């Protein structure tokens, strides 16, 4: 993965608009939180192969971290804290947010085909 280039990612996101696609969204601080602080809460969310159709996609950020939103007829999907991305050989947009130590904190992936 490479650091997000906002204009490039925006162009890719728009290619997925107005058609059914599969989304993977995951957030976690996993064991990181409680491993270093026994009073911390572990939190996370996970959804894989949600078949959605979004009509608008937008990425915004401050040059270090980014938020991506996908507008559907009945609501939004969004991920915040994204730092890196790639368009892989299968034309899947893979975006991730890593903390200072390189640990995964959030991922948002979009594909025309289900994720394995």
C-alpha atoms as a PDB file:
ATOM      1  CA  UNK A   1       0.000   0.000   0.000  1.00  0.00           C
ATOM      2  CA  UNK A   2       1.017   3.576  -0.588  1.00  0.00           C
ATOM      3  CA  UNK A   3      -0.003   6.829   1.117  1.00  0.00           C
ATOM      4  CA  UNK A   4      -3.357   8.118  -0.087  1.00  0.00           C
ATOM      5  CA  UNK A   5      -3.304  10.598  -2.953  1.00  0.00           C
ATOM      6  CA  UNK A   6      -6.707  12.208  -2.541  1.00  0.00           C
ATOM      7  CA  UNK A   7      -7.416  13.071  -6.197  1.00  0.00           C
ATOM      8  CA  UNK A   8      -6.427   9.612  -7.398  1.00  0.00           C
ATOM      9  CA  UNK A   9      -8.619   7.884  -4.811  1.00  0.00           C
ATOM     10  CA  UNK A  10     -11.549  10.195  -5.580  1.00  0.00           C
ATOM     11  CA  UNK A  11     -11.346   9.219  -9.255  1.00  0.00           C
ATOM     12  CA  UNK A  12     -11.303   5.513  -8.369  1.00  0.00           C
ATOM     13  CA  UNK A  13     -14.227   5.872  -5.951  1.00  0.00           C
ATOM     14  CA  UNK A  14     -16.336   7.503  -8.640  1.00  0.00           C
ATOM     15  CA  UNK A  15     -15.785   4.506 -10.915  1.00  0.00           C
ATOM     16  CA  UNK A  16     -17.673   2.355  -8.382  1.00  0.00           C
ATOM     17  CA  UNK A  17     -20.680   4.729  -8.145  1.00  0.00           C
ATOM     18  CA  UNK A  18     -24.152   3.706  -9.319  1.00  0.00           C
ATOM     19  CA  UNK A  19     -23.570  -0.025  -9.512  1.00  0.00           C
ATOM     20  CA  UNK A  20     -23.742  -2.923  -7.102  1.00  0.00           C
ATOM     21  CA  UNK A  21     -20.421  -3.562  -5.386  1.00  0.00           C
ATOM     22  CA  UNK A  22     -19.128  -5.461  -2.378  1.00  0.00           C
ATOM     23  CA  UNK A  23     -17.824  -3.598   0.650  1.00  0.00           C
ATOM     24  CA  UNK A  24     -15.560  -4.714   3.456  1.00  0.00           C
ATOM     25  CA  UNK A  25     -15.403  -2.349   6.438  1.00  0.00           C
ATOM     26  CA  UNK A  26     -13.438  -3.082   9.579  1.00  0.00           C
ATOM     27  CA  UNK A  27     -12.394  -0.999  12.559  1.00  0.00           C
ATOM     28  CA  UNK A  28     -10.465  -2.163  15.558  1.00  0.00           C
ATOM     29  CA  UNK A  29      -8.129  -1.220  18.277  1.00  0.00           C
ATOM     30  CA  UNK A  30      -8.128  -4.932  19.043  1.00  0.00           C
ATOM     31  CA  UNK A  31      -5.809  -6.186  21.698  1.00  0.00           C
ATOM     32  CA  UNK A  32      -3.722  -3.032  21.335  1.00  0.00           C
ATOM     33  CA  UNK A  33      -5.872  -1.142  23.812  1.00  0.00           C
ATOM     34  CA  UNK A  34      -6.084  -3.599  26.681  1.00  0.00           C
ATOM     35  CA  UNK A  35      -2.584  -4.948  26.142  1.00  0.00           C
ATOM     36  CA  UNK A  36      -1.073  -1.586  27.085  1.00  0.00           C
ATOM     37  CA  UNK A  37      -3.814  -0.246  29.344  1.00  0.00           C
ATOM     38  CA  UNK A  38      -5.959  -2.660  31.351  1.00  0.00           C
ATOM     39  CA  UNK A  39      -8.627   0.062  31.779  1.00  0.00           C
ATOM     40  CA  UNK A  40      -9.025   0.573  28.021  1.00  0.00           C
ATOM     41  CA  UNK A  41     -11.932  -0.864  26.085  1.00  0.00           C
ATOM     42  CA  UNK A  42     -11.515  -3.028  23.037  1.00  0.00           C
ATOM     43  CA  UNK A  43     -13.747  -1.790  20.234  1.00  0.00           C
ATOM     44  CA  UNK A  44     -14.283  -2.900  16.684  1.00  0.00           C
ATOM     45  CA  UNK A  45     -16.737  -3.299  13.858  1.00  0.00           C
ATOM     46  CA  UNK A  46     -16.619  -5.778  10.988  1.00  0.00           C
ATOM     47  CA  UNK A  47     -18.719  -6.261   7.892  1.00  0.00           C
ATOM     48  CA  UNK A  48     -17.644  -8.261   4.865  1.00  0.00           C
ATOM     49  CA  UNK A  49     -19.236  -8.664   1.450  1.00  0.00           C
ATOM     50  CA  UNK A  50     -22.072  -6.239   2.037  1.00  0.00           C
ATOM     51  CA  UNK A  51     -23.608  -5.793  -1.385  1.00  0.00           C
ATOM     52  CA  UNK A  52     -24.404  -2.105  -1.797  1.00  0.00           C
ATOM     53  CA  UNK A  53     -25.029   0.525  -4.416  1.00  0.00           C
ATOM     54  CA  UNK A  54     -23.842   4.022  -3.630  1.00  0.00           C
ATOM     55  CA  UNK A  55     -24.690   7.122  -5.617  1.00  0.00           C
ATOM     56  CA  UNK A  56     -21.960   9.390  -4.342  1.00  0.00           C
ATOM     57  CA  UNK A  57     -18.469   8.856  -2.926  1.00  0.00           C
ATOM     58  CA  UNK A  58     -16.231  11.425  -1.317  1.00  0.00           C
ATOM     59  CA  UNK A  59     -12.809  11.385   0.291  1.00  0.00           C
ATOM     60  CA  UNK A  60     -11.655  14.295   2.456  1.00  0.00           C
ATOM     61  CA  UNK A  61      -8.701  14.769   4.730  1.00  0.00           C
ATOM     62  CA  UNK A  62      -5.888  16.840   6.095  1.00  0.00           C
ATOM     63  CA  UNK A  63      -2.979  15.319   4.178  1.00  0.00           C
ATOM     64  CA  UNK A  64      -2.244  12.744   6.880  1.00  0.00           C
ATOM     65  CA  UNK A  65      -5.535  10.959   7.558  1.00  0.00           C
ATOM     66  CA  UNK A  66      -8.662  10.761   5.440  1.00  0.00           C
ATOM     67  CA  UNK A  67     -12.370   9.998   5.724  1.00  0.00           C
ATOM     68  CA  UNK A  68     -14.236   8.274   2.912  1.00  0.00           C
ATOM     69  CA  UNK A  69     -18.030   8.351   2.685  1.00  0.00           C
ATOM     70  CA  UNK A  70     -20.308   6.340   0.415  1.00  0.00           C
ATOM     71  CA  UNK A  71     -23.859   7.724   0.045  1.00  0.00           C
ATOM     72  CA  UNK A  72     -26.603   5.174  -0.515  1.00  0.00           C
ATOM     73  CA  UNK A  73     -30.321   5.748  -1.006  1.00  0.00           C
ATOM     74  CA  UNK A  74     -31.026   5.038   2.670  1.00  0.00           C
ATOM     75  CA  UNK A  75     -27.879   6.231   4.402  1.00  0.00           C
ATOM     76  CA  UNK A  76     -24.119   6.389   4.476  1.00  0.00           C
ATOM     77  CA  UNK A  77     -21.113   4.156   4.958  1.00  0.00           C
ATOM     78  CA  UNK A  78     -17.971   5.908   6.076  1.00  0.00           C
ATOM     79  CA  UNK A  79     -14.526   5.149   7.383  1.00  0.00           C
ATOM     80  CA  UNK A  80     -12.302   7.646   9.147  1.00  0.00           C
ATOM     81  CA  UNK A  81      -8.569   7.507   9.827  1.00  0.00           C
ATOM     82  CA  UNK A  82      -7.530   6.092   6.457  1.00  0.00           C
ATOM     83  CA  UNK A  83      -3.868   6.600   5.556  1.00  0.00           C
ATOM     84  CA  UNK A  84      -2.942   4.173   2.758  1.00  0.00           C
ATOM     85  CA  UNK A  85      -4.486   2.580  -0.313  1.00  0.00           C
ATOM     86  CA  UNK A  86      -3.972   0.521  -3.424  1.00  0.00           C
ATOM     87  CA  UNK A  87      -5.924  -0.583  -6.446  1.00  0.00           C
ATOM     88  CA  UNK A  88      -4.971  -4.244  -6.735  1.00  0.00           C
ATOM     89  CA  UNK A  89      -4.679  -6.475  -9.796  1.00  0.00           C
ATOM     90  CA  UNK A  90      -8.367  -7.470  -9.418  1.00  0.00           C
ATOM     91  CA  UNK A  91      -9.489  -3.809  -9.558  1.00  0.00           C
ATOM     92  CA  UNK A  92     -10.376  -3.770  -5.856  1.00  0.00           C
ATOM     93  CA  UNK A  93      -9.884  -0.505  -4.000  1.00  0.00           C
ATOM     94  CA  UNK A  94      -8.199  -1.324  -0.709  1.00  0.00           C
ATOM     95  CA  UNK A  95      -7.862   1.471   1.851  1.00  0.00           C
ATOM     96  CA  UNK A  96      -6.475   1.201   5.356  1.00  0.00           C
ATOM     97  CA  UNK A  97      -5.593   3.356   8.314  1.00  0.00           C
ATOM     98  CA  UNK A  98      -2.550   2.496  10.384  1.00  0.00           C
ATOM     99  CA  UNK A  99      -1.415   3.950  13.689  1.00  0.00           C
ATOM    100  CA  UNK A 100       2.085   5.312  14.380  1.00  0.00           C
ATOM    101  CA  UNK A 101       3.375   1.798  14.971  1.00  0.00           C
ATOM    102  CA  UNK A 102       1.941   0.539  11.677  1.00  0.00           C
ATOM    103  CA  UNK A 103      -0.915  -1.446  13.231  1.00  0.00           C
ATOM    104  CA  UNK A 104      -4.206  -1.670  11.338  1.00  0.00           C
ATOM    105  CA  UNK A 105      -6.944   0.499  12.835  1.00  0.00           C
ATOM    106  CA  UNK A 106      -9.478   0.751  10.004  1.00  0.00           C
ATOM    107  CA  UNK A 107     -10.018  -0.663   6.529  1.00  0.00           C
ATOM    108  CA  UNK A 108     -12.509   0.057   3.772  1.00  0.00           C
ATOM    109  CA  UNK A 109     -12.421  -2.057   0.641  1.00  0.00           C
ATOM    110  CA  UNK A 110     -14.635  -1.936  -2.458  1.00  0.00           C
ATOM    111  CA  UNK A 111     -14.853  -4.612  -5.146  1.00  0.00           C
ATOM    112  CA  UNK A 112     -17.003  -5.740  -8.062  1.00  0.00           C
ATOM    113  CA  UNK A 113     -16.702  -9.305  -6.771  1.00  0.00           C
ATOM    114  CA  UNK A 114     -17.009 -10.764  -3.266  1.00  0.00           C
ATOM    115  CA  UNK A 115     -13.944 -10.797  -1.031  1.00  0.00           C
ATOM    116  CA  UNK A 116     -12.483 -14.214  -0.182  1.00  0.00           C
END
